[in-house]
Amino acid sequence: MWEYIIKRVITEGEYIAENGSTVRAAAAHFNISKSTVHKDVTERLEEIDKNLYEEVKKVLSKNLSERHIRGGMATKYKYEQIKNIDKKSSKGEEYVE
């Protein structure tokens, strides 16, 4: 495996382990695709650093188990925002984001 890939994989794994980050958040942080991060931390990291792989695996398992909760919270937030916009528009207030 090339040196720059090894460095990238370790950096991504450390970021996820230290921050409890999701694959999506790590991808956004490093400005790379989610599929690259996922492949890096689920396949390549195991070959490079077994201990870090185990830490990342725990974080990813936790994120997977909480996924449905985050989705529900995002939907709730979305409809609260729509409700607030509707209230302001019915009062004749100008909407400023």
PDB file of N, CA and C in Angstrom:
ATOM      1  N   MET A   1       0.855  -1.180   0.000  1.00  0.00           N
ATOM      2  CA  MET A   1       0.000   0.000   0.000  1.00  0.00           C
ATOM      3  C   MET A   1       0.901   1.243   0.000  1.00  0.00           C
ATOM      4  N   TRP A   2       0.504   2.254  -0.691  1.00  0.00           N
ATOM      5  CA  TRP A   2       1.312   3.461  -0.800  1.00  0.00           C
ATOM      6  C   TRP A   2       1.304   4.246   0.503  1.00  0.00           C
ATOM      7  N   GLU A   3       2.399   4.948   0.728  1.00  0.00           N
ATOM      8  CA  GLU A   3       2.612   5.671   1.983  1.00  0.00           C
ATOM      9  C   GLU A   3       1.515   6.711   2.247  1.00  0.00           C
ATOM     10  N   TYR A   4       1.116   7.464   1.223  1.00  0.00           N
ATOM     11  CA  TYR A   4       0.111   8.506   1.447  1.00  0.00           C
ATOM     12  C   TYR A   4      -1.240   7.901   1.831  1.00  0.00           C
ATOM     13  N   ILE A   5      -1.533   6.708   1.333  1.00  0.00           N
ATOM     14  CA  ILE A   5      -2.795   6.049   1.697  1.00  0.00           C
ATOM     15  C   ILE A   5      -2.730   5.604   3.151  1.00  0.00           C
ATOM     16  N   ILE A   6      -1.609   5.058   3.564  1.00  0.00           N
ATOM     17  CA  ILE A   6      -1.439   4.624   4.952  1.00  0.00           C
ATOM     18  C   ILE A   6      -1.602   5.806   5.902  1.00  0.00           C
ATOM     19  N   LYS A   7      -0.977   6.932   5.578  1.00  0.00           N
ATOM     20  CA  LYS A   7      -1.109   8.133   6.416  1.00  0.00           C
ATOM     21  C   LYS A   7      -2.550   8.609   6.477  1.00  0.00           C
ATOM     22  N   ARG A   8      -3.223   8.615   5.325  1.00  0.00           N
ATOM     23  CA  ARG A   8      -4.623   9.055   5.268  1.00  0.00           C
ATOM     24  C   ARG A   8      -5.505   8.160   6.123  1.00  0.00           C
ATOM     25  N   VAL A   9      -5.321   6.849   6.008  1.00  0.00           N
ATOM     26  CA  VAL A   9      -6.135   5.892   6.755  1.00  0.00           C
ATOM     27  C   VAL A   9      -5.956   6.085   8.256  1.00  0.00           C
ATOM     28  N   ILE A  10      -4.722   6.230   8.695  1.00  0.00           N
ATOM     29  CA  ILE A  10      -4.452   6.420  10.125  1.00  0.00           C
ATOM     30  C   ILE A  10      -5.041   7.738  10.615  1.00  0.00           C
ATOM     31  N   THR A  11      -4.897   8.793   9.827  1.00  0.00           N
ATOM     32  CA  THR A  11      -5.446  10.097  10.211  1.00  0.00           C
ATOM     33  C   THR A  11      -6.959  10.035  10.334  1.00  0.00           C
ATOM     34  N   GLU A  12      -7.611   9.397   9.374  1.00  0.00           N
ATOM     35  CA  GLU A  12      -9.073   9.252   9.428  1.00  0.00           C
ATOM     36  C   GLU A  12      -9.492   8.437  10.646  1.00  0.00           C
ATOM     37  N   GLY A  13      -8.802   7.339  10.892  1.00  0.00           N
ATOM     38  CA  GLY A  13      -9.132   6.490  12.030  1.00  0.00           C
ATOM     39  C   GLY A  13      -8.969   7.215  13.354  1.00  0.00           C
ATOM     40  N   GLU A  14      -7.893   7.965  13.493  1.00  0.00           N
ATOM     41  CA  GLU A  14      -7.675   8.730  14.726  1.00  0.00           C
ATOM     42  C   GLU A  14      -8.756   9.791  14.899  1.00  0.00           C
ATOM     43  N   TYR A  15      -9.135  10.443  13.816  1.00  0.00           N
ATOM     44  CA  TYR A  15     -10.172  11.470  13.887  1.00  0.00           C
ATOM     45  C   TYR A  15     -11.498  10.865  14.361  1.00  0.00           C
ATOM     46  N   ILE A  16     -11.874   9.751  13.770  1.00  0.00           N
ATOM     47  CA  ILE A  16     -13.140   9.110  14.150  1.00  0.00           C
ATOM     48  C   ILE A  16     -13.093   8.639  15.594  1.00  0.00           C
ATOM     49  N   ALA A  17     -11.995   8.015  15.998  1.00  0.00           N
ATOM     50  CA  ALA A  17     -11.879   7.495  17.363  1.00  0.00           C
ATOM     51  C   ALA A  17     -11.876   8.618  18.396  1.00  0.00           C
ATOM     52  N   GLU A  18     -11.154   9.703  18.133  1.00  0.00           N
ATOM     53  CA  GLU A  18     -11.043  10.794  19.100  1.00  0.00           C
ATOM     54  C   GLU A  18     -12.324  11.606  19.223  1.00  0.00           C
ATOM     55  N   ASN A  19     -13.027  11.797  18.105  1.00  0.00           N
ATOM     56  CA  ASN A  19     -14.200  12.663  18.105  1.00  0.00           C
ATOM     57  C   ASN A  19     -15.529  11.920  18.136  1.00  0.00           C
ATOM     58  N   GLY A  20     -15.498  10.609  18.036  1.00  0.00           N
ATOM     59  CA  GLY A  20     -16.744   9.853  17.967  1.00  0.00           C
ATOM     60  C   GLY A  20     -17.513  10.219  16.709  1.00  0.00           C
ATOM     61  N   SER A  21     -16.789  10.535  15.685  1.00  0.00           N
ATOM     62  CA  SER A  21     -17.344  11.070  14.453  1.00  0.00           C
ATOM     63  C   SER A  21     -18.013   9.999  13.601  1.00  0.00           C
ATOM     64  N   THR A  22     -18.939  10.420  12.773  1.00  0.00           N
ATOM     65  CA  THR A  22     -19.535   9.529  11.786  1.00  0.00           C
ATOM     66  C   THR A  22     -18.651   9.508  10.546  1.00  0.00           C
ATOM     67  N   VAL A  23     -18.889   8.535   9.687  1.00  0.00           N
ATOM     68  CA  VAL A  23     -18.148   8.458   8.429  1.00  0.00           C
ATOM     69  C   VAL A  23     -18.431   9.709   7.597  1.00  0.00           C
ATOM     70  N   ARG A  24     -19.673  10.136   7.594  1.00  0.00           N
ATOM     71  CA  ARG A  24     -20.053  11.331   6.828  1.00  0.00           C
ATOM     72  C   ARG A  24     -19.320  12.576   7.329  1.00  0.00           C
ATOM     73  N   ALA A  25     -19.248  12.731   8.644  1.00  0.00           N
ATOM     74  CA  ALA A  25     -18.567  13.894   9.218  1.00  0.00           C
ATOM     75  C   ALA A  25     -17.066  13.848   8.930  1.00  0.00           C
ATOM     76  N   ALA A  26     -16.487  12.656   9.013  1.00  0.00           N
ATOM     77  CA  ALA A  26     -15.059  12.523   8.710  1.00  0.00           C
ATOM     78  C   ALA A  26     -14.788  12.833   7.241  1.00  0.00           C
ATOM     79  N   ALA A  27     -15.663  12.372   6.378  1.00  0.00           N
ATOM     80  CA  ALA A  27     -15.498  12.652   4.949  1.00  0.00           C
ATOM     81  C   ALA A  27     -15.566  14.148   4.681  1.00  0.00           C
ATOM     82  N   ALA A  28     -16.485  14.821   5.336  1.00  0.00           N
ATOM     83  CA  ALA A  28     -16.598  16.274   5.161  1.00  0.00           C
ATOM     84  C   ALA A  28     -15.357  16.976   5.720  1.00  0.00           C
ATOM     85  N   HIS A  29     -14.870  16.510   6.853  1.00  0.00           N
ATOM     86  CA  HIS A  29     -13.695  17.117   7.481  1.00  0.00           C
ATOM     87  C   HIS A  29     -12.456  17.008   6.583  1.00  0.00           C
ATOM     88  N   PHE A  30     -12.269  15.841   5.986  1.00  0.00           N
ATOM     89  CA  PHE A  30     -11.090  15.608   5.149  1.00  0.00           C
ATOM     90  C   PHE A  30     -11.336  15.913   3.672  1.00  0.00           C
ATOM     91  N   ASN A  31     -12.561  16.304   3.354  1.00  0.00           N
ATOM     92  CA  ASN A  31     -12.928  16.658   1.982  1.00  0.00           C
ATOM     93  C   ASN A  31     -12.683  15.506   1.000  1.00  0.00           C
ATOM     94  N   ILE A  32     -13.123  14.316   1.398  1.00  0.00           N
ATOM     95  CA  ILE A  32     -13.067  13.147   0.527  1.00  0.00           C
ATOM     96  C   ILE A  32     -14.412  12.448   0.583  1.00  0.00           C
ATOM     97  N   SER A  33     -14.628  11.455  -0.258  1.00  0.00           N
ATOM     98  CA  SER A  33     -15.940  10.811  -0.322  1.00  0.00           C
ATOM     99  C   SER A  33     -16.184   9.899   0.879  1.00  0.00           C
ATOM    100  N   LYS A  34     -17.467   9.703   1.183  1.00  0.00           N
ATOM    101  CA  LYS A  34     -17.847   8.822   2.289  1.00  0.00           C
ATOM    102  C   LYS A  34     -17.400   7.391   2.007  1.00  0.00           C
ATOM    103  N   SER A  35     -17.500   6.976   0.745  1.00  0.00           N
ATOM    104  CA  SER A  35     -17.112   5.604   0.417  1.00  0.00           C
ATOM    105  C   SER A  35     -15.614   5.382   0.625  1.00  0.00           C
ATOM    106  N   THR A  36     -14.806   6.395   0.358  1.00  0.00           N
ATOM    107  CA  THR A  36     -13.362   6.280   0.597  1.00  0.00           C
ATOM    108  C   THR A  36     -13.082   6.148   2.081  1.00  0.00           C
ATOM    109  N   VAL A  37     -13.705   6.990   2.893  1.00  0.00           N
ATOM    110  CA  VAL A  37     -13.503   6.920   4.343  1.00  0.00           C
ATOM    111  C   VAL A  37     -13.959   5.558   4.856  1.00  0.00           C
ATOM    112  N   HIS A  38     -15.105   5.114   4.391  1.00  0.00           N
ATOM    113  CA  HIS A  38     -15.636   3.836   4.859  1.00  0.00           C
ATOM    114  C   HIS A  38     -14.693   2.692   4.509  1.00  0.00           C
ATOM    115  N   LYS A  39     -14.214   2.654   3.289  1.00  0.00           N
ATOM    116  CA  LYS A  39     -13.278   1.603   2.882  1.00  0.00           C
ATOM    117  C   LYS A  39     -11.982   1.695   3.691  1.00  0.00           C
ATOM    118  N   ASP A  40     -11.510   2.915   3.898  1.00  0.00           N
ATOM    119  CA  ASP A  40     -10.283   3.113   4.656  1.00  0.00           C
ATOM    120  C   ASP A  40     -10.402   2.558   6.068  1.00  0.00           C
ATOM    121  N   VAL A  41     -11.468   2.904   6.769  1.00  0.00           N
ATOM    122  CA  VAL A  41     -11.555   2.546   8.187  1.00  0.00           C
ATOM    123  C   VAL A  41     -12.132   1.157   8.441  1.00  0.00           C
ATOM    124  N   THR A  42     -12.795   0.561   7.460  1.00  0.00           N
ATOM    125  CA  THR A  42     -13.344  -0.776   7.682  1.00  0.00           C
ATOM    126  C   THR A  42     -12.486  -1.880   7.069  1.00  0.00           C
ATOM    127  N   GLU A  43     -11.694  -1.560   6.051  1.00  0.00           N
ATOM    128  CA  GLU A  43     -10.874  -2.586   5.411  1.00  0.00           C
ATOM    129  C   GLU A  43      -9.375  -2.316   5.569  1.00  0.00           C
ATOM    130  N   ARG A  44      -8.930  -1.169   5.147  1.00  0.00           N
ATOM    131  CA  ARG A  44      -7.491  -0.884   5.137  1.00  0.00           C
ATOM    132  C   ARG A  44      -6.913  -0.710   6.536  1.00  0.00           C
ATOM    133  N   LEU A  45      -7.667  -0.084   7.430  1.00  0.00           N
ATOM    134  CA  LEU A  45      -7.159   0.189   8.773  1.00  0.00           C
ATOM    135  C   LEU A  45      -6.855  -1.094   9.532  1.00  0.00           C
ATOM    136  N   GLU A  46      -7.627  -2.122   9.311  1.00  0.00           N
ATOM    137  CA  GLU A  46      -7.408  -3.398   9.997  1.00  0.00           C
ATOM    138  C   GLU A  46      -6.022  -3.964   9.681  1.00  0.00           C
ATOM    139  N   GLU A  47      -5.570  -3.801   8.454  1.00  0.00           N
ATOM    140  CA  GLU A  47      -4.251  -4.287   8.056  1.00  0.00           C
ATOM    141  C   GLU A  47      -3.121  -3.428   8.631  1.00  0.00           C
ATOM    142  N   ILE A  48      -3.402  -2.140   8.814  1.00  0.00           N
ATOM    143  CA  ILE A  48      -2.363  -1.188   9.210  1.00  0.00           C
ATOM    144  C   ILE A  48      -2.191  -1.111  10.722  1.00  0.00           C
ATOM    145  N   ASP A  49      -3.311  -0.930  11.449  1.00  0.00           N
ATOM    146  CA  ASP A  49      -3.248  -0.742  12.905  1.00  0.00           C
ATOM    147  C   ASP A  49      -4.472  -1.412  13.540  1.00  0.00           C
ATOM    148  N   LYS A  50      -4.269  -2.617  14.031  1.00  0.00           N
ATOM    149  CA  LYS A  50      -5.364  -3.423  14.571  1.00  0.00           C
ATOM    150  C   LYS A  50      -6.030  -2.763  15.784  1.00  0.00           C
ATOM    151  N   ASN A  51      -5.251  -2.140  16.671  1.00  0.00           N
ATOM    152  CA  ASN A  51      -5.816  -1.505  17.871  1.00  0.00           C
ATOM    153  C   ASN A  51      -6.697  -0.317  17.503  1.00  0.00           C
ATOM    154  N   LEU A  52      -6.214   0.530  16.608  1.00  0.00           N
ATOM    155  CA  LEU A  52      -7.005   1.673  16.160  1.00  0.00           C
ATOM    156  C   LEU A  52      -8.257   1.198  15.440  1.00  0.00           C
ATOM    157  N   TYR A  53      -8.115   0.129  14.668  1.00  0.00           N
ATOM    158  CA  TYR A  53      -9.267  -0.443  13.968  1.00  0.00           C
ATOM    159  C   TYR A  53     -10.360  -0.843  14.958  1.00  0.00           C
ATOM    160  N   GLU A  54      -9.968  -1.463  16.054  1.00  0.00           N
ATOM    161  CA  GLU A  54     -10.950  -1.889  17.066  1.00  0.00           C
ATOM    162  C   GLU A  54     -11.654  -0.680  17.696  1.00  0.00           C
ATOM    163  N   GLU A  55     -10.915   0.388  17.956  1.00  0.00           N
ATOM    164  CA  GLU A  55     -11.522   1.605  18.505  1.00  0.00           C
ATOM    165  C   GLU A  55     -12.531   2.203  17.524  1.00  0.00           C
ATOM    166  N   VAL A  56     -12.129   2.295  16.275  1.00  0.00           N
ATOM    167  CA  VAL A  56     -13.005   2.870  15.242  1.00  0.00           C
ATOM    168  C   VAL A  56     -14.235   1.988  15.053  1.00  0.00           C
ATOM    169  N   LYS A  57     -14.039   0.692  15.105  1.00  0.00           N
ATOM    170  CA  LYS A  57     -15.150  -0.244  14.943  1.00  0.00           C
ATOM    171  C   LYS A  57     -16.215  -0.023  16.025  1.00  0.00           C
ATOM    172  N   LYS A  58     -15.767   0.243  17.260  1.00  0.00           N
ATOM    173  CA  LYS A  58     -16.710   0.522  18.354  1.00  0.00           C
ATOM    174  C   LYS A  58     -17.507   1.793  18.079  1.00  0.00           C
ATOM    175  N   VAL A  59     -16.812   2.836  17.618  1.00  0.00           N
ATOM    176  CA  VAL A  59     -17.484   4.108  17.320  1.00  0.00           C
ATOM    177  C   VAL A  59     -18.495   3.912  16.191  1.00  0.00           C
ATOM    178  N   LEU A  60     -18.104   3.204  15.143  1.00  0.00           N
ATOM    179  CA  LEU A  60     -19.006   2.992  14.014  1.00  0.00           C
ATOM    180  C   LEU A  60     -20.210   2.151  14.420  1.00  0.00           C
ATOM    181  N   SER A  61     -20.014   1.168  15.288  1.00  0.00           N
ATOM    182  CA  SER A  61     -21.135   0.364  15.785  1.00  0.00           C
ATOM    183  C   SER A  61     -22.103   1.216  16.586  1.00  0.00           C
ATOM    184  N   LYS A  62     -21.553   2.093  17.421  1.00  0.00           N
ATOM    185  CA  LYS A  62     -22.393   3.004  18.212  1.00  0.00           C
ATOM    186  C   LYS A  62     -23.179   3.922  17.280  1.00  0.00           C
ATOM    187  N   ASN A  63     -22.499   4.470  16.279  1.00  0.00           N
ATOM    188  CA  ASN A  63     -23.186   5.357  15.332  1.00  0.00           C
ATOM    189  C   ASN A  63     -24.296   4.628  14.590  1.00  0.00           C
ATOM    190  N   LEU A  64     -24.050   3.384  14.224  1.00  0.00           N
ATOM    191  CA  LEU A  64     -25.058   2.602  13.519  1.00  0.00           C
ATOM    192  C   LEU A  64     -26.278   2.372  14.399  1.00  0.00           C
ATOM    193  N   SER A  65     -26.039   2.087  15.675  1.00  0.00           N
ATOM    194  CA  SER A  65     -27.164   1.836  16.581  1.00  0.00           C
ATOM    195  C   SER A  65     -27.962   3.104  16.882  1.00  0.00           C
ATOM    196  N   GLU A  66     -27.337   4.282  16.735  1.00  0.00           N
ATOM    197  CA  GLU A  66     -28.015   5.549  17.005  1.00  0.00           C
ATOM    198  C   GLU A  66     -28.562   6.215  15.745  1.00  0.00           C
ATOM    199  N   ARG A  67     -28.348   5.609  14.610  1.00  0.00           N
ATOM    200  CA  ARG A  67     -28.709   6.225  13.329  1.00  0.00           C
ATOM    201  C   ARG A  67     -30.187   6.607  13.264  1.00  0.00           C
ATOM    202  N   HIS A  68     -31.051   5.728  13.695  1.00  0.00           N
ATOM    203  CA  HIS A  68     -32.486   6.006  13.612  1.00  0.00           C
ATOM    204  C   HIS A  68     -32.888   7.189  14.497  1.00  0.00           C
ATOM    205  N   ILE A  69     -32.181   7.379  15.592  1.00  0.00           N
ATOM    206  CA  ILE A  69     -32.468   8.501  16.494  1.00  0.00           C
ATOM    207  C   ILE A  69     -32.069   9.819  15.833  1.00  0.00           C
ATOM    208  N   ARG A  70     -30.866   9.840  15.235  1.00  0.00           N
ATOM    209  CA  ARG A  70     -30.409  11.050  14.550  1.00  0.00           C
ATOM    210  C   ARG A  70     -31.346  11.432  13.405  1.00  0.00           C
ATOM    211  N   GLY A  71     -31.820  10.435  12.679  1.00  0.00           N
ATOM    212  CA  GLY A  71     -32.745  10.697  11.581  1.00  0.00           C
ATOM    213  C   GLY A  71     -34.040  11.317  12.077  1.00  0.00           C
ATOM    214  N   GLY A  72     -34.545  10.801  13.186  1.00  0.00           N
ATOM    215  CA  GLY A  72     -35.765  11.350  13.769  1.00  0.00           C
ATOM    216  C   GLY A  72     -35.572  12.769  14.262  1.00  0.00           C
ATOM    217  N   MET A  73     -34.418  13.036  14.842  1.00  0.00           N
ATOM    218  CA  MET A  73     -34.130  14.385  15.327  1.00  0.00           C
ATOM    219  C   MET A  73     -34.012  15.368  14.162  1.00  0.00           C
ATOM    220  N   ALA A  74     -33.403  14.932  13.069  1.00  0.00           N
ATOM    221  CA  ALA A  74     -33.254  15.796  11.901  1.00  0.00           C
ATOM    222  C   ALA A  74     -34.618  16.123  11.306  1.00  0.00           C
ATOM    223  N   THR A  75     -35.494  15.139  11.242  1.00  0.00           N
ATOM    224  CA  THR A  75     -36.833  15.362  10.717  1.00  0.00           C
ATOM    225  C   THR A  75     -37.609  16.304  11.626  1.00  0.00           C
ATOM    226  N   LYS A  76     -37.503  16.105  12.933  1.00  0.00           N
ATOM    227  CA  LYS A  76     -38.176  16.976  13.892  1.00  0.00           C
ATOM    228  C   LYS A  76     -37.701  18.415  13.730  1.00  0.00           C
ATOM    229  N   TYR A  77     -36.398  18.615  13.608  1.00  0.00           N
ATOM    230  CA  TYR A  77     -35.821  19.942  13.430  1.00  0.00           C
ATOM    231  C   TYR A  77     -36.327  20.585  12.137  1.00  0.00           C
ATOM    232  N   LYS A  78     -36.369  19.806  11.082  1.00  0.00           N
ATOM    233  CA  LYS A  78     -36.832  20.315   9.785  1.00  0.00           C
ATOM    234  C   LYS A  78     -38.258  20.858   9.904  1.00  0.00           C
ATOM    235  N   TYR A  79     -39.150  20.089  10.514  1.00  0.00           N
ATOM    236  CA  TYR A  79     -40.536  20.526  10.605  1.00  0.00           C
ATOM    237  C   TYR A  79     -40.730  21.657  11.605  1.00  0.00           C
ATOM    238  N   GLU A  80     -39.871  21.757  12.613  1.00  0.00           N
ATOM    239  CA  GLU A  80     -39.921  22.908  13.514  1.00  0.00           C
ATOM    240  C   GLU A  80     -39.539  24.183  12.765  1.00  0.00           C
ATOM    241  N   GLN A  81     -38.543  24.083  11.894  1.00  0.00           N
ATOM    242  CA  GLN A  81     -38.132  25.237  11.096  1.00  0.00           C
ATOM    243  C   GLN A  81     -39.251  25.666  10.154  1.00  0.00           C
ATOM    244  N   ILE A  82     -39.900  24.720   9.518  1.00  0.00           N
ATOM    245  CA  ILE A  82     -41.016  25.038   8.622  1.00  0.00           C
ATOM    246  C   ILE A  82     -42.147  25.691   9.402  1.00  0.00           C
ATOM    247  N   LYS A  83     -42.426  25.178  10.582  1.00  0.00           N
ATOM    248  CA  LYS A  83     -43.481  25.720  11.436  1.00  0.00           C
ATOM    249  C   LYS A  83     -43.164  27.163  11.827  1.00  0.00           C
ATOM    250  N   ASN A  84     -41.911  27.445  12.173  1.00  0.00           N
ATOM    251  CA  ASN A  84     -41.501  28.800  12.552  1.00  0.00           C
ATOM    252  C   ASN A  84     -41.619  29.757  11.374  1.00  0.00           C
ATOM    253  N   ILE A  85     -41.259  29.306  10.186  1.00  0.00           N
ATOM    254  CA  ILE A  85     -41.382  30.149   8.991  1.00  0.00           C
ATOM    255  C   ILE A  85     -42.847  30.458   8.726  1.00  0.00           C
ATOM    256  N   ASP A  86     -43.708  29.444   8.856  1.00  0.00           N
ATOM    257  CA  ASP A  86     -45.137  29.651   8.632  1.00  0.00           C
ATOM    258  C   ASP A  86     -45.728  30.630   9.642  1.00  0.00           C
ATOM    259  N   LYS A  87     -45.299  30.555  10.903  1.00  0.00           N
ATOM    260  CA  LYS A  87     -45.787  31.477  11.928  1.00  0.00           C
ATOM    261  C   LYS A  87     -45.388  32.908  11.592  1.00  0.00           C
ATOM    262  N   LYS A  88     -44.145  33.092  11.191  1.00  0.00           N
ATOM    263  CA  LYS A  88     -43.668  34.433  10.869  1.00  0.00           C
ATOM    264  C   LYS A  88     -44.368  34.990   9.642  1.00  0.00           C
ATOM    265  N   SER A  89     -44.607  34.159   8.651  1.00  0.00           N
ATOM    266  CA  SER A  89     -45.245  34.652   7.433  1.00  0.00           C
ATOM    267  C   SER A  89     -46.721  34.980   7.684  1.00  0.00           C
ATOM    268  N   SER A  90     -47.377  34.250   8.586  1.00  0.00           N
ATOM    269  CA  SER A  90     -48.773  34.538   8.879  1.00  0.00           C
ATOM    270  C   SER A  90     -48.922  35.823   9.704  1.00  0.00           C
ATOM    271  N   LYS A  91     -47.867  36.199  10.447  1.00  0.00           N
ATOM    272  CA  LYS A  91     -47.883  37.434  11.212  1.00  0.00           C
ATOM    273  C   LYS A  91     -47.426  38.618  10.372  1.00  0.00           C
ATOM    274  N   GLY A  92     -46.988  38.339   9.157  1.00  0.00           N
ATOM    275  CA  GLY A  92     -46.505  39.413   8.287  1.00  0.00           C
ATOM    276  C   GLY A  92     -45.069  39.797   8.559  1.00  0.00           C
ATOM    277  N   GLU A  93     -44.376  38.991   9.353  1.00  0.00           N
ATOM    278  CA  GLU A  93     -42.987  39.280   9.652  1.00  0.00           C
ATOM    279  C   GLU A  93     -42.107  38.835   8.501  1.00  0.00           C
ATOM    280  N   GLU A  94     -40.994  39.507   8.370  1.00  0.00           N
ATOM    281  CA  GLU A  94     -40.040  39.129   7.342  1.00  0.00           C
ATOM    282  C   GLU A  94     -39.152  38.011   7.872  1.00  0.00           C
ATOM    283  N   TYR A  95     -38.930  37.000   7.061  1.00  0.00           N
ATOM    284  CA  TYR A  95     -38.087  35.875   7.473  1.00  0.00           C
ATOM    285  C   TYR A  95     -36.636  36.197   7.209  1.00  0.00           C
ATOM    286  N   VAL A  96     -35.823  36.093   8.259  1.00  0.00           N
ATOM    287  CA  VAL A  96     -34.386  36.320   8.116  1.00  0.00           C
ATOM    288  C   VAL A  96     -33.685  35.101   8.696  1.00  0.00           C
ATOM    289  N   GLU A  97     -32.845  34.461   7.924  1.00  0.00           N
ATOM    290  CA  GLU A  97     -32.164  33.265   8.385  1.00  0.00           C
ATOM    291  C   GLU A  97     -30.845  33.584   8.982  1.00  0.00           C
TER     292      GLU A  97
END
